[in-house]
């Protein structure tokens, strides 16, 4: 069940709601938590990579204009 569960899906929402009632406890195997964290890390790494590419393209297009600063001192 956990392998096919999406973190933003209805099953996960149900488990969170159950946990939040504090009337029942919800347990998840540690390995399932590790796999979920790894999937999120890969997702965010890919998103960061695309954002970094967009900034590089912006720099290439506007390399002579100094009035368009890049964030974080790039």
PDB file of N, CA and C in Angstrom:
ATOM      1  N   UNK A   1       0.826  -1.193   0.000  1.00  0.00           N
ATOM      2  CA  UNK A   1       0.000   0.000   0.000  1.00  0.00           C
ATOM      3  C   UNK A   1       0.875   1.264   0.000  1.00  0.00           C
ATOM      4  N   UNK A   2       1.905   1.251   0.803  1.00  0.00           N
ATOM      5  CA  UNK A   2       2.723   2.458   0.945  1.00  0.00           C
ATOM      6  C   UNK A   2       3.487   2.763  -0.331  1.00  0.00           C
ATOM      7  N   UNK A   3       3.960   1.742  -1.052  1.00  0.00           N
ATOM      8  CA  UNK A   3       4.727   1.981  -2.267  1.00  0.00           C
ATOM      9  C   UNK A   3       3.905   2.708  -3.325  1.00  0.00           C
ATOM     10  N   UNK A   4       2.626   2.405  -3.407  1.00  0.00           N
ATOM     11  CA  UNK A   4       1.789   3.030  -4.430  1.00  0.00           C
ATOM     12  C   UNK A   4       1.145   4.331  -3.948  1.00  0.00           C
ATOM     13  N   UNK A   5       1.373   4.697  -2.695  1.00  0.00           N
ATOM     14  CA  UNK A   5       0.738   5.884  -2.126  1.00  0.00           C
ATOM     15  C   UNK A   5       1.485   7.148  -2.528  1.00  0.00           C
ATOM     16  N   UNK A   6       0.736   8.119  -3.008  1.00  0.00           N
ATOM     17  CA  UNK A   6       1.319   9.423  -3.314  1.00  0.00           C
ATOM     18  C   UNK A   6       1.242  10.286  -2.063  1.00  0.00           C
ATOM     19  N   UNK A   7       2.292  11.083  -1.842  1.00  0.00           N
ATOM     20  CA  UNK A   7       2.334  11.907  -0.631  1.00  0.00           C
ATOM     21  C   UNK A   7       1.222  12.942  -0.590  1.00  0.00           C
ATOM     22  N   UNK A   8       0.721  13.346  -1.766  1.00  0.00           N
ATOM     23  CA  UNK A   8      -0.371  14.317  -1.790  1.00  0.00           C
ATOM     24  C   UNK A   8      -1.696  13.656  -2.172  1.00  0.00           C
ATOM     25  N   UNK A   9      -1.741  12.316  -2.119  1.00  0.00           N
ATOM     26  CA  UNK A   9      -2.947  11.579  -2.482  1.00  0.00           C
ATOM     27  C   UNK A   9      -3.927  11.461  -1.325  1.00  0.00           C
ATOM     28  N   UNK A  10      -5.084  10.923  -1.642  1.00  0.00           N
ATOM     29  CA  UNK A  10      -6.153  10.819  -0.641  1.00  0.00           C
ATOM     30  C   UNK A  10      -5.802   9.845   0.474  1.00  0.00           C
ATOM     31  N   UNK A  11      -5.054   8.764   0.163  1.00  0.00           N
ATOM     32  CA  UNK A  11      -4.678   7.819   1.215  1.00  0.00           C
ATOM     33  C   UNK A  11      -3.770   8.477   2.244  1.00  0.00           C
ATOM     34  N   UNK A  12      -2.794   9.242   1.765  1.00  0.00           N
ATOM     35  CA  UNK A  12      -1.884   9.939   2.680  1.00  0.00           C
ATOM     36  C   UNK A  12      -2.639  10.981   3.493  1.00  0.00           C
ATOM     37  N   UNK A  13      -3.566  11.666   2.855  1.00  0.00           N
ATOM     38  CA  UNK A  13      -4.381  12.657   3.566  1.00  0.00           C
ATOM     39  C   UNK A  13      -5.192  11.987   4.667  1.00  0.00           C
ATOM     40  N   UNK A  14      -5.755  10.824   4.363  1.00  0.00           N
ATOM     41  CA  UNK A  14      -6.526  10.083   5.364  1.00  0.00           C
ATOM     42  C   UNK A  14      -5.645   9.682   6.543  1.00  0.00           C
ATOM     43  N   UNK A  15      -4.441   9.184   6.260  1.00  0.00           N
ATOM     44  CA  UNK A  15      -3.538   8.795   7.342  1.00  0.00           C
ATOM     45  C   UNK A  15      -3.119   9.993   8.185  1.00  0.00           C
ATOM     46  N   UNK A  16      -2.881  11.132   7.538  1.00  0.00           N
ATOM     47  CA  UNK A  16      -2.532  12.345   8.301  1.00  0.00           C
ATOM     48  C   UNK A  16      -3.697  12.791   9.180  1.00  0.00           C
ATOM     49  N   UNK A  17      -4.909  12.745   8.645  1.00  0.00           N
ATOM     50  CA  UNK A  17      -6.088  13.139   9.426  1.00  0.00           C
ATOM     51  C   UNK A  17      -6.268  12.200  10.612  1.00  0.00           C
ATOM     52  N   UNK A  18      -6.052  10.912  10.375  1.00  0.00           N
ATOM     53  CA  UNK A  18      -6.158   9.934  11.460  1.00  0.00           C
ATOM     54  C   UNK A  18      -5.114  10.215  12.530  1.00  0.00           C
ATOM     55  N   UNK A  19      -3.900  10.490  12.104  1.00  0.00           N
ATOM     56  CA  UNK A  19      -2.821  10.801  13.046  1.00  0.00           C
ATOM     57  C   UNK A  19      -3.135  12.072  13.836  1.00  0.00           C
ATOM     58  N   UNK A  20      -3.681  13.074  13.148  1.00  0.00           N
ATOM     59  CA  UNK A  20      -3.932  14.360  13.791  1.00  0.00           C
ATOM     60  C   UNK A  20      -5.042  14.310  14.834  1.00  0.00           C
ATOM     61  N   UNK A  21      -5.897  13.294  14.779  1.00  0.00           N
ATOM     62  CA  UNK A  21      -6.946  13.179  15.798  1.00  0.00           C
ATOM     63  C   UNK A  21      -6.359  12.806  17.151  1.00  0.00           C
ATOM     64  N   UNK A  22      -5.169  12.244  17.144  1.00  0.00           N
ATOM     65  CA  UNK A  22      -4.474  11.774  18.343  1.00  0.00           C
ATOM     66  C   UNK A  22      -5.228  10.649  19.048  1.00  0.00           C
ATOM     67  N   UNK A  23      -6.290  10.150  18.420  1.00  0.00           N
ATOM     68  CA  UNK A  23      -7.021   9.002  18.963  1.00  0.00           C
ATOM     69  C   UNK A  23      -6.400   7.701  18.488  1.00  0.00           C
ATOM     70  N   UNK A  24      -5.734   7.749  17.341  1.00  0.00           N
ATOM     71  CA  UNK A  24      -5.083   6.575  16.770  1.00  0.00           C
ATOM     72  C   UNK A  24      -3.649   6.941  16.399  1.00  0.00           C
ATOM     73  N   UNK A  25      -2.793   5.947  16.393  1.00  0.00           N
ATOM     74  CA  UNK A  25      -1.420   6.144  15.965  1.00  0.00           C
ATOM     75  C   UNK A  25      -1.258   5.555  14.573  1.00  0.00           C
ATOM     76  N   UNK A  26      -0.438   6.209  13.775  1.00  0.00           N
ATOM     77  CA  UNK A  26      -0.161   5.742  12.426  1.00  0.00           C
ATOM     78  C   UNK A  26       1.338   5.505  12.325  1.00  0.00           C
ATOM     79  N   UNK A  27       1.697   4.304  11.942  1.00  0.00           N
ATOM     80  CA  UNK A  27       3.106   3.967  11.805  1.00  0.00           C
ATOM     81  C   UNK A  27       3.473   3.734  10.351  1.00  0.00           C
ATOM     82  N   UNK A  28       4.689   4.117  10.005  1.00  0.00           N
ATOM     83  CA  UNK A  28       5.206   3.912   8.653  1.00  0.00           C
ATOM     84  C   UNK A  28       6.588   3.293   8.794  1.00  0.00           C
ATOM     85  N   UNK A  29       6.861   2.247   8.032  1.00  0.00           N
ATOM     86  CA  UNK A  29       8.207   1.661   8.103  1.00  0.00           C
ATOM     87  C   UNK A  29       9.275   2.693   7.757  1.00  0.00           C
ATOM     88  N   UNK A  30      10.395   2.620   8.458  1.00  0.00           N
ATOM     89  CA  UNK A  30      11.467   3.587   8.260  1.00  0.00           C
ATOM     90  C   UNK A  30      11.939   3.600   6.812  1.00  0.00           C
ATOM     91  N   UNK A  31      12.020   2.434   6.196  1.00  0.00           N
ATOM     92  CA  UNK A  31      12.480   2.356   4.812  1.00  0.00           C
ATOM     93  C   UNK A  31      11.520   3.101   3.889  1.00  0.00           C
ATOM     94  N   UNK A  32      10.237   3.044   4.150  1.00  0.00           N
ATOM     95  CA  UNK A  32       9.272   3.779   3.333  1.00  0.00           C
ATOM     96  C   UNK A  32       9.501   5.285   3.461  1.00  0.00           C
ATOM     97  N   UNK A  33       9.825   5.739   4.653  1.00  0.00           N
ATOM     98  CA  UNK A  33      10.123   7.160   4.854  1.00  0.00           C
ATOM     99  C   UNK A  33      11.400   7.547   4.098  1.00  0.00           C
ATOM    100  N   UNK A  34      12.399   6.666   4.125  1.00  0.00           N
ATOM    101  CA  UNK A  34      13.649   6.926   3.412  1.00  0.00           C
ATOM    102  C   UNK A  34      13.419   7.014   1.908  1.00  0.00           C
ATOM    103  N   UNK A  35      12.616   6.112   1.377  1.00  0.00           N
ATOM    104  CA  UNK A  35      12.328   6.117  -0.064  1.00  0.00           C
ATOM    105  C   UNK A  35      11.573   7.390  -0.433  1.00  0.00           C
ATOM    106  N   UNK A  36      10.593   7.772   0.386  1.00  0.00           N
ATOM    107  CA  UNK A  36       9.846   9.003   0.127  1.00  0.00           C
ATOM    108  C   UNK A  36      10.741  10.230   0.146  1.00  0.00           C
ATOM    109  N   UNK A  37      11.639  10.288   1.114  1.00  0.00           N
ATOM    110  CA  UNK A  37      12.572  11.424   1.196  1.00  0.00           C
ATOM    111  C   UNK A  37      13.496  11.448  -0.015  1.00  0.00           C
ATOM    112  N   UNK A  38      13.938  10.285  -0.454  1.00  0.00           N
ATOM    113  CA  UNK A  38      14.823  10.226  -1.626  1.00  0.00           C
ATOM    114  C   UNK A  38      14.093  10.687  -2.884  1.00  0.00           C
ATOM    115  N   UNK A  39      12.837  10.287  -3.030  1.00  0.00           N
ATOM    116  CA  UNK A  39      12.064  10.712  -4.196  1.00  0.00           C
ATOM    117  C   UNK A  39      11.879  12.225  -4.215  1.00  0.00           C
ATOM    118  N   UNK A  40      11.625  12.811  -3.052  1.00  0.00           N
ATOM    119  CA  UNK A  40      11.494  14.271  -2.983  1.00  0.00           C
ATOM    120  C   UNK A  40      12.819  14.960  -3.288  1.00  0.00           C
ATOM    121  N   UNK A  41      13.915  14.396  -2.803  1.00  0.00           N
ATOM    122  CA  UNK A  41      15.230  14.989  -3.079  1.00  0.00           C
ATOM    123  C   UNK A  41      15.521  14.985  -4.567  1.00  0.00           C
ATOM    124  N   UNK A  42      15.195  13.888  -5.244  1.00  0.00           N
ATOM    125  CA  UNK A  42      15.413  13.812  -6.694  1.00  0.00           C
ATOM    126  C   UNK A  42      14.537  14.818  -7.409  1.00  0.00           C
ATOM    127  N   UNK A  43      13.291  14.919  -6.983  1.00  0.00           N
ATOM    128  CA  UNK A  43      12.355  15.874  -7.602  1.00  0.00           C
ATOM    129  C   UNK A  43      12.885  17.299  -7.466  1.00  0.00           C
ATOM    130  N   UNK A  44      13.295  17.675  -6.261  1.00  0.00           N
ATOM    131  CA  UNK A  44      13.771  19.038  -6.046  1.00  0.00           C
ATOM    132  C   UNK A  44      15.116  19.290  -6.705  1.00  0.00           C
ATOM    133  N   UNK A  45      15.957  18.257  -6.804  1.00  0.00           N
ATOM    134  CA  UNK A  45      17.227  18.409  -7.511  1.00  0.00           C
ATOM    135  C   UNK A  45      16.962  18.725  -8.982  1.00  0.00           C
ATOM    136  N   UNK A  46      16.013  18.013  -9.578  1.00  0.00           N
ATOM    137  CA  UNK A  46      15.674  18.249 -10.985  1.00  0.00           C
ATOM    138  C   UNK A  46      15.081  19.640 -11.184  1.00  0.00           C
ATOM    139  N   UNK A  47      14.220  20.069 -10.280  1.00  0.00           N
ATOM    140  CA  UNK A  47      13.625  21.405 -10.374  1.00  0.00           C
ATOM    141  C   UNK A  47      14.701  22.470 -10.233  1.00  0.00           C
ATOM    142  N   UNK A  48      15.620  22.286  -9.276  1.00  0.00           N
ATOM    143  CA  UNK A  48      16.708  23.238  -9.093  1.00  0.00           C
ATOM    144  C   UNK A  48      17.575  23.315 -10.344  1.00  0.00           C
ATOM    145  N   UNK A  49      17.840  22.147 -10.942  1.00  0.00           N
ATOM    146  CA  UNK A  49      18.663  22.113 -12.144  1.00  0.00           C
ATOM    147  C   UNK A  49      18.014  22.899 -13.278  1.00  0.00           C
ATOM    148  N   UNK A  50      16.702  22.738 -13.454  1.00  0.00           N
ATOM    149  CA  UNK A  50      16.003  23.485 -14.509  1.00  0.00           C
ATOM    150  C   UNK A  50      16.009  24.985 -14.215  1.00  0.00           C
ATOM    151  N   UNK A  51      15.848  25.349 -12.954  1.00  0.00           N
ATOM    152  CA  UNK A  51      15.886  26.771 -12.594  1.00  0.00           C
ATOM    153  C   UNK A  51      17.278  27.346 -12.842  1.00  0.00           C
ATOM    154  N   UNK A  52      18.300  26.579 -12.519  1.00  0.00           N
ATOM    155  CA  UNK A  52      19.669  27.031 -12.749  1.00  0.00           C
ATOM    156  C   UNK A  52      19.931  27.211 -14.245  1.00  0.00           C
ATOM    157  N   UNK A  53      19.429  26.314 -15.061  1.00  0.00           N
ATOM    158  CA  UNK A  53      19.568  26.442 -16.511  1.00  0.00           C
ATOM    159  C   UNK A  53      18.868  27.697 -17.015  1.00  0.00           C
ATOM    160  N   UNK A  54      17.684  27.982 -16.468  1.00  0.00           N
ATOM    161  CA  UNK A  54      16.953  29.183 -16.876  1.00  0.00           C
ATOM    162  C   UNK A  54      17.741  30.436 -16.515  1.00  0.00           C
ATOM    163  N   UNK A  55      18.369  30.449 -15.354  1.00  0.00           N
ATOM    164  CA  UNK A  55      19.181  31.601 -14.963  1.00  0.00           C
ATOM    165  C   UNK A  55      20.387  31.757 -15.886  1.00  0.00           C
ATOM    166  N   UNK A  56      20.989  30.654 -16.268  1.00  0.00           N
ATOM    167  CA  UNK A  56      22.124  30.724 -17.191  1.00  0.00           C
ATOM    168  C   UNK A  56      21.686  31.255 -18.554  1.00  0.00           C
ATOM    169  N   UNK A  57      20.509  30.836 -19.014  1.00  0.00           N
ATOM    170  CA  UNK A  57      19.984  31.349 -20.283  1.00  0.00           C
ATOM    171  C   UNK A  57      19.705  32.837 -20.172  1.00  0.00           C
ATOM    172  N   UNK A  58      19.177  33.253 -19.039  1.00  0.00           N
ATOM    173  CA  UNK A  58      18.903  34.674 -18.803  1.00  0.00           C
ATOM    174  C   UNK A  58      20.201  35.469 -18.821  1.00  0.00           C
ATOM    175  N   UNK A  59      21.228  34.905 -18.204  1.00  0.00           N
ATOM    176  CA  UNK A  59      22.523  35.569 -18.186  1.00  0.00           C
ATOM    177  C   UNK A  59      23.075  35.701 -19.608  1.00  0.00           C
ATOM    178  N   UNK A  60      22.928  34.662 -20.415  1.00  0.00           N
ATOM    179  CA  UNK A  60      23.431  34.692 -21.792  1.00  0.00           C
ATOM    180  C   UNK A  60      22.684  35.735 -22.626  1.00  0.00           C
ATOM    181  N   UNK A  61      21.404  35.863 -22.411  1.00  0.00           N
ATOM    182  CA  UNK A  61      20.599  36.824 -23.177  1.00  0.00           C
ATOM    183  C   UNK A  61      20.897  38.253 -22.747  1.00  0.00           C
ATOM    184  N   UNK A  62      21.040  38.450 -21.447  1.00  0.00           N
ATOM    185  CA  UNK A  62      21.180  39.802 -20.903  1.00  0.00           C
ATOM    186  C   UNK A  62      22.577  40.060 -20.354  1.00  0.00           C
ATOM    187  N   UNK A  63      23.588  39.453 -20.947  1.00  0.00           N
ATOM    188  CA  UNK A  63      24.933  39.553 -20.363  1.00  0.00           C
ATOM    189  C   UNK A  63      25.476  40.973 -20.353  1.00  0.00           C
ATOM    190  N   UNK A  64      24.995  41.833 -21.221  1.00  0.00           N
ATOM    191  CA  UNK A  64      25.512  43.207 -21.255  1.00  0.00           C
ATOM    192  C   UNK A  64      24.713  44.172 -20.395  1.00  0.00           C
ATOM    193  N   UNK A  65      23.529  43.755 -19.971  1.00  0.00           N
ATOM    194  CA  UNK A  65      22.686  44.658 -19.179  1.00  0.00           C
ATOM    195  C   UNK A  65      22.984  44.459 -17.699  1.00  0.00           C
ATOM    196  N   UNK A  66      23.455  45.485 -17.052  1.00  0.00           N
ATOM    197  CA  UNK A  66      23.798  45.381 -15.636  1.00  0.00           C
ATOM    198  C   UNK A  66      22.620  45.722 -14.730  1.00  0.00           C
ATOM    199  N   UNK A  67      21.500  46.158 -15.298  1.00  0.00           N
ATOM    200  CA  UNK A  67      20.347  46.521 -14.474  1.00  0.00           C
ATOM    201  C   UNK A  67      19.451  45.314 -14.188  1.00  0.00           C
ATOM    202  N   UNK A  68      19.864  44.106 -14.598  1.00  0.00           N
ATOM    203  CA  UNK A  68      19.105  42.893 -14.309  1.00  0.00           C
ATOM    204  C   UNK A  68      19.950  41.976 -13.436  1.00  0.00           C
ATOM    205  N   UNK A  69      20.021  42.258 -12.144  1.00  0.00           N
ATOM    206  CA  UNK A  69      20.867  41.449 -11.280  1.00  0.00           C
ATOM    207  C   UNK A  69      20.308  40.040 -11.127  1.00  0.00           C
ATOM    208  N   UNK A  70      21.192  39.074 -11.031  1.00  0.00           N
ATOM    209  CA  UNK A  70      20.799  37.705 -10.764  1.00  0.00           C
ATOM    210  C   UNK A  70      20.780  37.481  -9.247  1.00  0.00           C
ATOM    211  N   UNK A  71      19.870  36.643  -8.770  1.00  0.00           N
ATOM    212  CA  UNK A  71      19.803  36.396  -7.334  1.00  0.00           C
ATOM    213  C   UNK A  71      21.037  35.658  -6.815  1.00  0.00           C
ATOM    214  N   UNK A  72      21.319  35.824  -5.564  1.00  0.00           N
ATOM    215  CA  UNK A  72      22.391  35.123  -4.860  1.00  0.00           C
ATOM    216  C   UNK A  72      23.766  35.410  -5.458  1.00  0.00           C
ATOM    217  N   UNK A  73      23.952  36.612  -5.959  1.00  0.00           N
ATOM    218  CA  UNK A  73      25.261  37.032  -6.418  1.00  0.00           C
ATOM    219  C   UNK A  73      25.792  36.302  -7.622  1.00  0.00           C
ATOM    220  N   UNK A  74      24.941  35.767  -8.447  1.00  0.00           N
ATOM    221  CA  UNK A  74      25.391  35.037  -9.647  1.00  0.00           C
ATOM    222  C   UNK A  74      25.825  35.969 -10.711  1.00  0.00           C
TER     223      UNK A  74
END
